[in-house]
C-alpha atoms as a PDB file:
ATOM      1  CA  MET A   1      61.480   5.418  53.924  1.00  0.00           C
ATOM      2  CA  ARG A   2      59.690   3.315  56.002  1.00  0.00           C
ATOM      3  CA  ARG A   3      58.805  -0.454  55.518  1.00  0.00           C
ATOM      4  CA  ILE A   4      55.251  -1.554  55.628  1.00  0.00           C
ATOM      5  CA  ASP A   5      55.985  -4.648  58.525  1.00  0.00           C
ATOM      6  CA  SER A   6      54.306  -5.870  61.470  1.00  0.00           C
ATOM      7  CA  ASP A   7      55.800  -2.943  63.838  1.00  0.00           C
ATOM      8  CA  TRP A   8      53.867  -0.754  61.513  1.00  0.00           C
ATOM      9  CA  LEU A   9      50.653  -3.049  61.239  1.00  0.00           C
ATOM     10  CA  ALA A  10      51.020  -2.896  65.271  1.00  0.00           C
ATOM     11  CA  ASP A  11      51.018   1.128  64.838  1.00  0.00           C
ATOM     12  CA  HIS A  12      48.324   0.945  62.495  1.00  0.00           C
ATOM     13  CA  PRO A  13      45.859  -1.369  63.798  1.00  0.00           C
ATOM     14  CA  LEU A  14      42.468  -2.093  61.614  1.00  0.00           C
ATOM     15  CA  PRO A  15      39.706  -1.319  63.516  1.00  0.00           C
ATOM     16  CA  PRO A  16      38.128  -4.008  65.796  1.00  0.00           C
ATOM     17  CA  ILE A  17      34.722  -5.832  64.792  1.00  0.00           C
ATOM     18  CA  ALA A  18      32.163  -5.169  67.687  1.00  0.00           C
ATOM     19  CA  ALA A  19      30.962  -8.782  69.587  1.00  0.00           C
ATOM     20  CA  GLY A  20      27.716  -9.351  67.984  1.00  0.00           C
ATOM     21  CA  SER A  21      27.978  -6.676  64.681  1.00  0.00           C
ATOM     22  CA  ASP A  22      26.021  -7.619  62.016  1.00  0.00           C
ATOM     23  CA  LYS A  23      27.183  -7.834  58.027  1.00  0.00           C
ATOM     24  CA  ASN A  24      26.180  -4.254  56.911  1.00  0.00           C
ATOM     25  CA  ARG A  25      28.266  -3.233  59.718  1.00  0.00           C
ATOM     26  CA  ARG A  26      31.101  -4.342  58.594  1.00  0.00           C
ATOM     27  CA  GLY A  27      30.631  -2.830  55.002  1.00  0.00           C
ATOM     28  CA  ARG A  28      29.404  -3.851  51.926  1.00  0.00           C
ATOM     29  CA  VAL A  29      31.297  -3.883  48.629  1.00  0.00           C
ATOM     30  CA  LEU A  30      30.180  -3.478  45.201  1.00  0.00           C
ATOM     31  CA  LEU A  31      32.373  -4.841  42.332  1.00  0.00           C
ATOM     32  CA  ILE A  32      32.636  -4.425  38.742  1.00  0.00           C
ATOM     33  CA  GLY A  33      34.272  -5.967  36.111  1.00  0.00           C
ATOM     34  CA  GLY A  34      35.164  -8.797  34.433  1.00  0.00           C
ATOM     35  CA  ALA A  35      33.656 -10.110  30.439  1.00  0.00           C
ATOM     36  CA  GLU A  36      33.401 -13.507  28.622  1.00  0.00           C
ATOM     37  CA  PHE A  37      36.701 -13.326  28.300  1.00  0.00           C
ATOM     38  CA  VAL A  38      37.880 -13.342  31.974  1.00  0.00           C
ATOM     39  CA  PRO A  39      34.873 -14.369  33.673  1.00  0.00           C
ATOM     40  CA  GLY A  40      37.070 -15.118  36.787  1.00  0.00           C
ATOM     41  CA  ALA A  41      38.553 -12.787  37.688  1.00  0.00           C
ATOM     42  CA  LEU A  42      35.924 -11.309  39.484  1.00  0.00           C
ATOM     43  CA  ARG A  43      35.662 -14.404  41.346  1.00  0.00           C
ATOM     44  CA  LEU A  44      39.264 -14.095  42.676  1.00  0.00           C
ATOM     45  CA  SER A  45      38.489 -10.448  43.532  1.00  0.00           C
ATOM     46  CA  GLY A  46      35.117 -11.359  45.373  1.00  0.00           C
ATOM     47  CA  GLU A  47      36.331 -13.799  47.561  1.00  0.00           C
ATOM     48  CA  ALA A  48      39.159 -12.019  48.922  1.00  0.00           C
ATOM     49  CA  VAL A  49      36.755  -9.176  49.955  1.00  0.00           C
ATOM     50  CA  LEU A  50      35.149 -11.510  51.771  1.00  0.00           C
ATOM     51  CA  ARG A  51      37.975 -13.404  53.380  1.00  0.00           C
ATOM     52  CA  ALA A  52      39.434 -10.267  54.369  1.00  0.00           C
ATOM     53  CA  GLY A  53      36.151  -9.753  56.603  1.00  0.00           C
ATOM     54  CA  ALA A  54      33.914  -7.537  54.517  1.00  0.00           C
ATOM     55  CA  GLY A  55      29.987  -8.172  55.879  1.00  0.00           C
ATOM     56  CA  LYS A  56      28.139  -7.896  52.131  1.00  0.00           C
ATOM     57  CA  LEU A  57      29.208  -8.356  48.909  1.00  0.00           C
ATOM     58  CA  GLN A  58      27.744  -7.169  45.536  1.00  0.00           C
ATOM     59  CA  MET A  59      29.098  -8.583  42.117  1.00  0.00           C
ATOM     60  CA  ALA A  60      28.184  -6.430  38.733  1.00  0.00           C
ATOM     61  CA  THR A  61      29.253  -8.159  35.241  1.00  0.00           C
ATOM     62  CA  VAL A  62      28.614  -9.341  31.794  1.00  0.00           C
ATOM     63  CA  LYS A  63      25.036 -10.992  31.683  1.00  0.00           C
ATOM     64  CA  ALA A  64      26.968 -14.025  30.178  1.00  0.00           C
ATOM     65  CA  ALA A  65      29.391 -14.743  32.863  1.00  0.00           C
ATOM     66  CA  ALA A  66      26.912 -13.747  36.252  1.00  0.00           C
ATOM     67  CA  MET A  67      24.838 -17.000  35.942  1.00  0.00           C
ATOM     68  CA  SER A  68      28.263 -19.156  36.596  1.00  0.00           C
ATOM     69  CA  LEU A  69      29.704 -16.552  38.709  1.00  0.00           C
ATOM     70  CA  ALA A  70      26.744 -17.003  40.750  1.00  0.00           C
ATOM     71  CA  VAL A  71      27.632 -20.347  41.283  1.00  0.00           C
ATOM     72  CA  LEU A  72      30.663 -20.292  41.836  1.00  0.00           C
ATOM     73  CA  MET A  73      29.930 -17.565  44.795  1.00  0.00           C
ATOM     74  CA  PRO A  74      27.091 -18.342  46.310  1.00  0.00           C
ATOM     75  CA  GLU A  75      27.335 -15.618  49.444  1.00  0.00           C
ATOM     76  CA  ALA A  76      27.242 -12.540  46.896  1.00  0.00           C
ATOM     77  CA  ALA A  77      24.310 -11.069  45.126  1.00  0.00           C
ATOM     78  CA  MET A  78      25.120 -11.048  41.482  1.00  0.00           C
ATOM     79  CA  ILE A  79      24.174  -8.214  38.563  1.00  0.00           C
ATOM     80  CA  ALA A  80      24.271  -8.817  35.284  1.00  0.00           C
ATOM     81  CA  LEU A  81      25.107  -6.340  32.511  1.00  0.00           C
ATOM     82  CA  PRO A  82      24.426  -5.860  29.022  1.00  0.00           C
ATOM     83  CA  SER A  83      28.230  -6.631  26.945  1.00  0.00           C
ATOM     84  CA  ASP A  84      29.315  -5.282  23.502  1.00  0.00           C
ATOM     85  CA  ASP A  85      30.267  -7.266  20.190  1.00  0.00           C
ATOM     86  CA  GLU A  86      33.570  -8.248  22.138  1.00  0.00           C
ATOM     87  CA  GLY A  87      32.242  -9.637  25.465  1.00  0.00           C
ATOM     88  CA  GLU A  88      33.033  -6.350  27.355  1.00  0.00           C
ATOM     89  CA  ILE A  89      31.101  -4.478  29.606  1.00  0.00           C
ATOM     90  CA  ALA A  90      28.588  -1.802  27.610  1.00  0.00           C
ATOM     91  CA  PRO A  91      28.511   1.448  27.598  1.00  0.00           C
ATOM     92  CA  GLU A  92      24.714   1.542  28.940  1.00  0.00           C
ATOM     93  CA  ALA A  93      25.833  -0.954  31.861  1.00  0.00           C
ATOM     94  CA  ALA A  94      26.459   2.501  34.090  1.00  0.00           C
ATOM     95  CA  GLU A  95      22.921   2.729  34.325  1.00  0.00           C
ATOM     96  CA  PHE A  96      22.264  -0.703  35.958  1.00  0.00           C
ATOM     97  CA  ILE A  97      25.589   0.020  38.395  1.00  0.00           C
ATOM     98  CA  GLY A  98      24.639   3.497  39.500  1.00  0.00           C
ATOM     99  CA  GLU A  99      21.485   2.132  41.694  1.00  0.00           C
ATOM    100  CA  ARG A 100      23.225   0.437  43.454  1.00  0.00           C
ATOM    101  CA  LEU A 101      25.998   3.278  44.130  1.00  0.00           C
ATOM    102  CA  ASP A 102      24.639   4.450  47.670  1.00  0.00           C
ATOM    103  CA  ARG A 103      23.772   1.576  49.349  1.00  0.00           C
ATOM    104  CA  CYS A 104      27.588   0.095  49.150  1.00  0.00           C
ATOM    105  CA  ASP A 105      31.106   2.138  51.776  1.00  0.00           C
ATOM    106  CA  VAL A 106      33.699   0.193  49.105  1.00  0.00           C
ATOM    107  CA  VAL A 107      33.538   0.114  45.115  1.00  0.00           C
ATOM    108  CA  ILE A 108      35.998  -1.996  43.189  1.00  0.00           C
ATOM    109  CA  MET A 109      36.223  -1.597  39.717  1.00  0.00           C
ATOM    110  CA  GLY A 110      39.148  -3.226  37.026  1.00  0.00           C
ATOM    111  CA  PRO A 111      39.513  -6.901  37.156  1.00  0.00           C
ATOM    112  CA  GLY A 112      39.019  -8.741  34.420  1.00  0.00           C
ATOM    113  CA  MET A 113      37.741  -5.527  32.634  1.00  0.00           C
ATOM    114  CA  SER A 114      39.620  -4.729  29.152  1.00  0.00           C
ATOM    115  CA  ALA A 115      40.879  -0.678  28.440  1.00  0.00           C
ATOM    116  CA  ALA A 116      38.259   0.223  25.622  1.00  0.00           C
ATOM    117  CA  PRO A 117      36.921   3.973  25.333  1.00  0.00           C
ATOM    118  CA  HIS A 118      33.869   3.516  26.918  1.00  0.00           C
ATOM    119  CA  THR A 119      35.435   1.891  29.989  1.00  0.00           C
ATOM    120  CA  SER A 120      36.521   5.328  31.064  1.00  0.00           C
ATOM    121  CA  ARG A 121      33.418   6.616  30.067  1.00  0.00           C
ATOM    122  CA  LEU A 122      32.137   4.083  32.837  1.00  0.00           C
ATOM    123  CA  VAL A 123      34.452   4.996  35.428  1.00  0.00           C
ATOM    124  CA  ALA A 124      34.231   8.324  34.963  1.00  0.00           C
ATOM    125  CA  SER A 125      30.388   7.533  35.313  1.00  0.00           C
ATOM    126  CA  VAL A 126      30.540   5.708  38.708  1.00  0.00           C
ATOM    127  CA  LEU A 127      32.930   8.448  40.283  1.00  0.00           C
ATOM    128  CA  SER A 128      30.957  11.203  40.074  1.00  0.00           C
ATOM    129  CA  GLU A 129      27.629   9.156  41.630  1.00  0.00           C
ATOM    130  CA  LEU A 130      29.506   8.175  44.862  1.00  0.00           C
ATOM    131  CA  ASP A 131      28.778   9.479  47.741  1.00  0.00           C
ATOM    132  CA  ALA A 132      31.422  11.035  49.243  1.00  0.00           C
ATOM    133  CA  ARG A 133      32.363   8.993  51.785  1.00  0.00           C
ATOM    134  CA  THR A 134      32.518   5.877  49.524  1.00  0.00           C
ATOM    135  CA  ILE A 135      35.661   4.381  48.732  1.00  0.00           C
ATOM    136  CA  ALA A 136      36.659   3.911  45.594  1.00  0.00           C
ATOM    137  CA  ILE A 137      39.476   0.980  44.512  1.00  0.00           C
ATOM    138  CA  LEU A 138      40.491   1.112  40.542  1.00  0.00           C
ATOM    139  CA  ASP A 139      42.555  -2.041  39.076  1.00  0.00           C
ATOM    140  CA  ALA A 140      43.449  -3.406  36.129  1.00  0.00           C
ATOM    141  CA  ALA A 141      42.022  -1.919  33.061  1.00  0.00           C
ATOM    142  CA  ALA A 142      40.083   0.753  35.114  1.00  0.00           C
ATOM    143  CA  LEU A 143      43.098   2.280  36.266  1.00  0.00           C
ATOM    144  CA  THR A 144      44.550   2.416  33.140  1.00  0.00           C
ATOM    145  CA  CYS A 145      41.880   4.361  31.717  1.00  0.00           C
ATOM    146  CA  ALA A 146      41.931   7.047  34.720  1.00  0.00           C
ATOM    147  CA  GLY A 147      44.837   9.237  33.059  1.00  0.00           C
ATOM    148  CA  ASN A 148      41.672  11.582  32.069  1.00  0.00           C
ATOM    149  CA  LEU A 149      39.668  12.006  34.831  1.00  0.00           C
ATOM    150  CA  LYS A 150      41.968  13.874  37.513  1.00  0.00           C
ATOM    151  CA  ALA A 151      39.097  16.366  38.721  1.00  0.00           C
ATOM    152  CA  GLU A 152      36.593  12.926  39.208  1.00  0.00           C
ATOM    153  CA  ILE A 153      39.479  11.478  41.240  1.00  0.00           C
ATOM    154  CA  ALA A 154      40.234  14.486  43.034  1.00  0.00           C
ATOM    155  CA  ALA A 155      36.705  15.220  43.934  1.00  0.00           C
ATOM    156  CA  ARG A 156      37.536  11.753  45.584  1.00  0.00           C
ATOM    157  CA  GLN A 157      39.506  13.924  48.580  1.00  0.00           C
ATOM    158  CA  GLY A 158      41.963  10.596  48.902  1.00  0.00           C
ATOM    159  CA  ARG A 159      39.351   8.036  49.093  1.00  0.00           C
ATOM    160  CA  LEU A 160      40.178   6.332  46.052  1.00  0.00           C
ATOM    161  CA  ILE A 161      42.984   3.403  45.842  1.00  0.00           C
ATOM    162  CA  VAL A 162      44.668   2.495  42.528  1.00  0.00           C
ATOM    163  CA  THR A 163      47.403  -0.818  42.421  1.00  0.00           C
ATOM    164  CA  PRO A 164      49.243  -0.374  39.273  1.00  0.00           C
ATOM    165  CA  HIS A 165      52.357  -2.615  37.925  1.00  0.00           C
ATOM    166  CA  HIS A 166      54.772  -0.239  36.300  1.00  0.00           C
ATOM    167  CA  ARG A 167      53.409  -0.765  33.079  1.00  0.00           C
ATOM    168  CA  GLU A 168      49.903   0.112  33.983  1.00  0.00           C
ATOM    169  CA  LEU A 169      51.532   3.399  35.652  1.00  0.00           C
ATOM    170  CA  SER A 170      52.966   4.291  32.825  1.00  0.00           C
ATOM    171  CA  TYR A 171      49.534   3.790  30.822  1.00  0.00           C
ATOM    172  CA  LEU A 172      48.227   5.850  33.235  1.00  0.00           C
ATOM    173  CA  THR A 173      50.853   8.830  33.392  1.00  0.00           C
ATOM    174  CA  GLY A 174      52.155   8.645  30.112  1.00  0.00           C
ATOM    175  CA  ILE A 175      55.734   8.151  32.148  1.00  0.00           C
ATOM    176  CA  ALA A 176      58.059   5.882  30.420  1.00  0.00           C
ATOM    177  CA  GLU A 177      58.736   2.269  32.646  1.00  0.00           C
ATOM    178  CA  GLU A 178      61.988   2.636  32.270  1.00  0.00           C
ATOM    179  CA  GLU A 179      61.980   6.115  34.457  1.00  0.00           C
ATOM    180  CA  ILE A 180      60.100   4.699  36.407  1.00  0.00           C
ATOM    181  CA  ALA A 181      61.724   1.751  37.657  1.00  0.00           C
ATOM    182  CA  ARG A 182      64.780   4.163  37.959  1.00  0.00           C
ATOM    183  CA  ASP A 183      63.028   5.625  41.066  1.00  0.00           C
ATOM    184  CA  PRO A 184      59.557   3.935  41.934  1.00  0.00           C
ATOM    185  CA  ALA A 185      59.265   6.126  44.967  1.00  0.00           C
ATOM    186  CA  VAL A 186      59.625   9.184  43.069  1.00  0.00           C
ATOM    187  CA  ALA A 187      57.148   8.383  40.711  1.00  0.00           C
ATOM    188  CA  ALA A 188      54.514   6.740  42.934  1.00  0.00           C
ATOM    189  CA  ARG A 189      54.264   9.977  45.113  1.00  0.00           C
ATOM    190  CA  SER A 190      54.285  12.573  42.338  1.00  0.00           C
ATOM    191  CA  VAL A 191      51.178  10.643  40.770  1.00  0.00           C
ATOM    192  CA  ALA A 192      49.337  10.372  44.229  1.00  0.00           C
ATOM    193  CA  GLU A 193      50.240  14.393  44.896  1.00  0.00           C
ATOM    194  CA  GLY A 194      48.943  14.838  41.097  1.00  0.00           C
ATOM    195  CA  TYR A 195      46.098  12.738  41.751  1.00  0.00           C
ATOM    196  CA  GLY A 196      45.189  13.107  44.670  1.00  0.00           C
ATOM    197  CA  MET A 197      44.934   9.920  45.810  1.00  0.00           C
ATOM    198  CA  VAL A 198      46.416   6.595  47.394  1.00  0.00           C
ATOM    199  CA  VAL A 199      48.883   4.758  44.767  1.00  0.00           C
ATOM    200  CA  LEU A 200      50.156   1.329  45.222  1.00  0.00           C
ATOM    201  CA  LEU A 201      53.048   0.643  43.401  1.00  0.00           C
ATOM    202  CA  LYS A 202      53.446  -3.151  42.590  1.00  0.00           C
ATOM    203  CA  ALA A 203      57.104  -4.867  41.816  1.00  0.00           C
ATOM    204  CA  GLU A 204      59.125  -7.065  44.047  1.00  0.00           C
ATOM    205  CA  GLN A 205      59.669  -3.931  46.133  1.00  0.00           C
ATOM    206  CA  SER A 206      55.943  -2.000  46.752  1.00  0.00           C
ATOM    207  CA  ILE A 207      56.144   1.513  47.296  1.00  0.00           C
ATOM    208  CA  LEU A 208      52.727   3.390  48.795  1.00  0.00           C
ATOM    209  CA  ALA A 209      52.225   6.594  48.241  1.00  0.00           C
ATOM    210  CA  ALA A 210      49.323   9.137  49.487  1.00  0.00           C
ATOM    211  CA  PRO A 211      48.916  12.616  49.362  1.00  0.00           C
ATOM    212  CA  GLY A 212      50.804  14.884  52.161  1.00  0.00           C
ATOM    213  CA  VAL A 213      52.960  11.355  53.706  1.00  0.00           C
ATOM    214  CA  GLU A 214      56.231   9.983  53.202  1.00  0.00           C
ATOM    215  CA  PRO A 215      55.792   6.613  51.085  1.00  0.00           C
ATOM    216  CA  LEU A 216      56.388   3.063  52.346  1.00  0.00           C
ATOM    217  CA  LEU A 217      58.228  -0.020  51.533  1.00  0.00           C
ATOM    218  CA  TYR A 218      56.903  -3.382  50.885  1.00  0.00           C
ATOM    219  CA  ASP A 219      59.562  -6.006  50.160  1.00  0.00           C
ATOM    220  CA  GLY A 220      57.885  -8.922  51.646  1.00  0.00           C
ATOM    221  CA  GLY A 221      56.223 -11.531  49.451  1.00  0.00           C
ATOM    222  CA  SER A 222      57.863 -14.059  46.806  1.00  0.00           C
ATOM    223  CA  ILE A 223      58.261 -14.116  43.616  1.00  0.00           C
ATOM    224  CA  GLY A 224      55.384 -16.730  42.953  1.00  0.00           C
ATOM    225  CA  LEU A 225      53.144 -14.229  43.265  1.00  0.00           C
ATOM    226  CA  ALA A 226      53.732 -12.995  39.923  1.00  0.00           C
ATOM    227  CA  THR A 227      50.539 -15.117  37.892  1.00  0.00           C
ATOM    228  CA  GLY A 228      47.502 -14.558  36.722  1.00  0.00           C
ATOM    229  CA  GLY A 229      45.055 -13.633  39.131  1.00  0.00           C
ATOM    230  CA  SER A 230      47.167 -11.904  41.971  1.00  0.00           C
ATOM    231  CA  GLY A 231      46.359  -8.503  41.474  1.00  0.00           C
ATOM    232  CA  ASP A 232      42.905 -10.023  41.392  1.00  0.00           C
ATOM    233  CA  VAL A 233      43.084 -11.204  44.436  1.00  0.00           C
ATOM    234  CA  LEU A 234      44.901  -8.139  46.038  1.00  0.00           C
ATOM    235  CA  ALA A 235      42.405  -5.623  44.858  1.00  0.00           C
ATOM    236  CA  GLY A 236      39.746  -7.476  46.212  1.00  0.00           C
ATOM    237  CA  LEU A 237      41.496  -7.682  49.726  1.00  0.00           C
ATOM    238  CA  ILE A 238      42.206  -3.869  50.302  1.00  0.00           C
ATOM    239  CA  GLY A 239      38.545  -3.515  49.252  1.00  0.00           C
ATOM    240  CA  GLY A 240      37.799  -5.775  51.974  1.00  0.00           C
ATOM    241  CA  LEU A 241      39.534  -4.400  54.420  1.00  0.00           C
ATOM    242  CA  ALA A 242      38.821  -0.874  53.809  1.00  0.00           C
ATOM    243  CA  ALA A 243      34.792  -1.940  53.932  1.00  0.00           C
ATOM    244  CA  ARG A 244      35.494  -3.324  57.442  1.00  0.00           C
ATOM    245  CA  GLY A 245      36.957   0.647  58.354  1.00  0.00           C
ATOM    246  CA  ALA A 246      40.553   0.564  57.203  1.00  0.00           C
ATOM    247  CA  ALA A 247      41.612   4.264  55.934  1.00  0.00           C
ATOM    248  CA  PRO A 248      42.855   3.939  52.632  1.00  0.00           C
ATOM    249  CA  VAL A 249      46.395   4.054  53.162  1.00  0.00           C
ATOM    250  CA  GLN A 250      45.730   1.744  55.874  1.00  0.00           C
ATOM    251  CA  ALA A 251      43.818  -0.856  53.751  1.00  0.00           C
ATOM    252  CA  ALA A 252      46.240  -0.539  51.361  1.00  0.00           C
ATOM    253  CA  ALA A 253      49.473  -1.113  53.465  1.00  0.00           C
ATOM    254  CA  TRP A 254      47.547  -4.309  54.947  1.00  0.00           C
ATOM    255  CA  GLY A 255      46.637  -5.560  51.815  1.00  0.00           C
ATOM    256  CA  ALA A 256      50.019  -5.639  50.528  1.00  0.00           C
ATOM    257  CA  PHE A 257      51.403  -7.083  53.592  1.00  0.00           C
ATOM    258  CA  ILE A 258      49.043 -10.410  54.365  1.00  0.00           C
ATOM    259  CA  HIS A 259      48.696 -10.453  50.420  1.00  0.00           C
ATOM    260  CA  GLY A 260      52.701 -11.302  50.268  1.00  0.00           C
ATOM    261  CA  ALA A 261      52.620 -13.372  53.561  1.00  0.00           C
ATOM    262  CA  ALA A 262      50.159 -15.570  51.750  1.00  0.00           C
ATOM    263  CA  GLY A 263      52.801 -15.604  48.962  1.00  0.00           C
ATOM    264  CA  ALA A 264      55.732 -16.419  50.965  1.00  0.00           C
ATOM    265  CA  ALA A 265      53.504 -18.850  53.156  1.00  0.00           C
ATOM    266  CA  LEU A 266      52.585 -20.721  49.750  1.00  0.00           C
ATOM    267  CA  SER A 267      56.495 -20.300  48.457  1.00  0.00           C
ATOM    268  CA  ARG A 268      57.134 -22.513  51.608  1.00  0.00           C
ATOM    269  CA  SER A 269      54.461 -25.312  51.411  1.00  0.00           C
ATOM    270  CA  VAL A 270      54.045 -25.422  47.841  1.00  0.00           C
ATOM    271  CA  GLY A 271      56.738 -23.919  45.840  1.00  0.00           C
ATOM    272  CA  THR A 272      58.680 -21.239  45.080  1.00  0.00           C
ATOM    273  CA  VAL A 273      56.970 -20.405  41.936  1.00  0.00           C
ATOM    274  CA  GLY A 274      53.584 -22.507  40.623  1.00  0.00           C
ATOM    275  CA  PHE A 275      51.089 -21.825  43.267  1.00  0.00           C
ATOM    276  CA  LEU A 276      47.839 -20.441  42.143  1.00  0.00           C
ATOM    277  CA  ALA A 277      46.221 -17.334  43.195  1.00  0.00           C
ATOM    278  CA  ARG A 278      43.178 -18.993  44.467  1.00  0.00           C
ATOM    279  CA  GLU A 279      45.466 -20.667  46.786  1.00  0.00           C
ATOM    280  CA  ILE A 280      46.326 -17.335  48.662  1.00  0.00           C
ATOM    281  CA  LEU A 281      42.089 -17.066  49.774  1.00  0.00           C
ATOM    282  CA  PRO A 282      42.038 -19.191  52.265  1.00  0.00           C
ATOM    283  CA  LEU A 283      45.120 -17.930  53.794  1.00  0.00           C
ATOM    284  CA  ILE A 284      43.893 -14.167  54.190  1.00  0.00           C
ATOM    285  CA  PRO A 285      41.396 -14.670  57.538  1.00  0.00           C
ATOM    286  CA  SER A 286      44.123 -16.435  59.620  1.00  0.00           C
ATOM    287  CA  LEU A 287      47.010 -14.019  58.667  1.00  0.00           C
ATOM    288  CA  ILE A 288      44.630 -11.007  59.323  1.00  0.00           C
ATOM    289  CA  ASP A 289      44.027 -12.509  62.582  1.00  0.00           C
ATOM    290  CA  ALA A 290      47.989 -13.040  63.478  1.00  0.00           C
ATOM    291  CA  GLU A 291      48.740  -9.647  62.842  1.00  0.00           C
ATOM    292  CA  CYS A 292      45.587  -8.446  64.806  1.00  0.00           C
ATOM    293  CA  ALA A 293      46.528 -10.519  67.581  1.00  0.00           C
ATOM    294  CA  GLY A 294      50.493  -9.125  67.293  1.00  0.00           C
ATOM    295  CA  GLY A 295      49.207  -5.716  67.714  1.00  0.00           C
ATOM    296  CA  ARG A 296      47.244  -6.409  70.788  1.00  0.00           C
ATOM    297  CA  ARG A 297      50.612  -7.681  72.876  1.00  0.00           C
END
């Protein structure tokens, strides 16, 4: 199994950003998620989108959190969504989101959301309305609710990425965590082939699988990345890379590597554990630049 390392990145370079290109040409991202209980998740994902180089960002979250999030992220446009009695995104939010789907290149769903029956309906509604060229990323609750959406996922023709850890993959598929842990590469590949999507199975040794290709291994990073909000950063990072032109497998691989490299750097400068997910964010641009420069040598 080939490792995702600097050599792999050099063989699969990110699309260059032309001098003079405007923000629309660097890609438009719509980020959907959050709740009254965890309003900050979208801040982490949203900043990661922009740190990865995407040009424009819209964030859709519950109305109670939208104003404070807009202040935290003045670079993003904000969409206030109705919420249910639990402070989660309400089912009728789909009509607020639908009209904006044709104006984005990447949609990210899930950070800060909770699994509920209407979550899967919202995910299904969004997937069914997406343009064929749009890349979708499902994280956290949005991916665990996608088990009954095989037809909608298959229609994306490989332009959908999920980012589960072992427990989330178990929720998605019904496969026991123990079975996934025994051979994660087989599990990730089976799910990727069965659903027709890209799977980044997160763990100490992460597996990237996609239909028709050999799985890839990423074993960098650090134990310190196992902290609250780290997955939200990764989802946004992958989305930002996809927005600037990376293909789904390429975006997921670069995202895993840059996320891990940031964790390794923070382990050296801050401590093995104890650094915060938000401390990953400022490191992203320089790490991407370093790998892009390495690929040009």
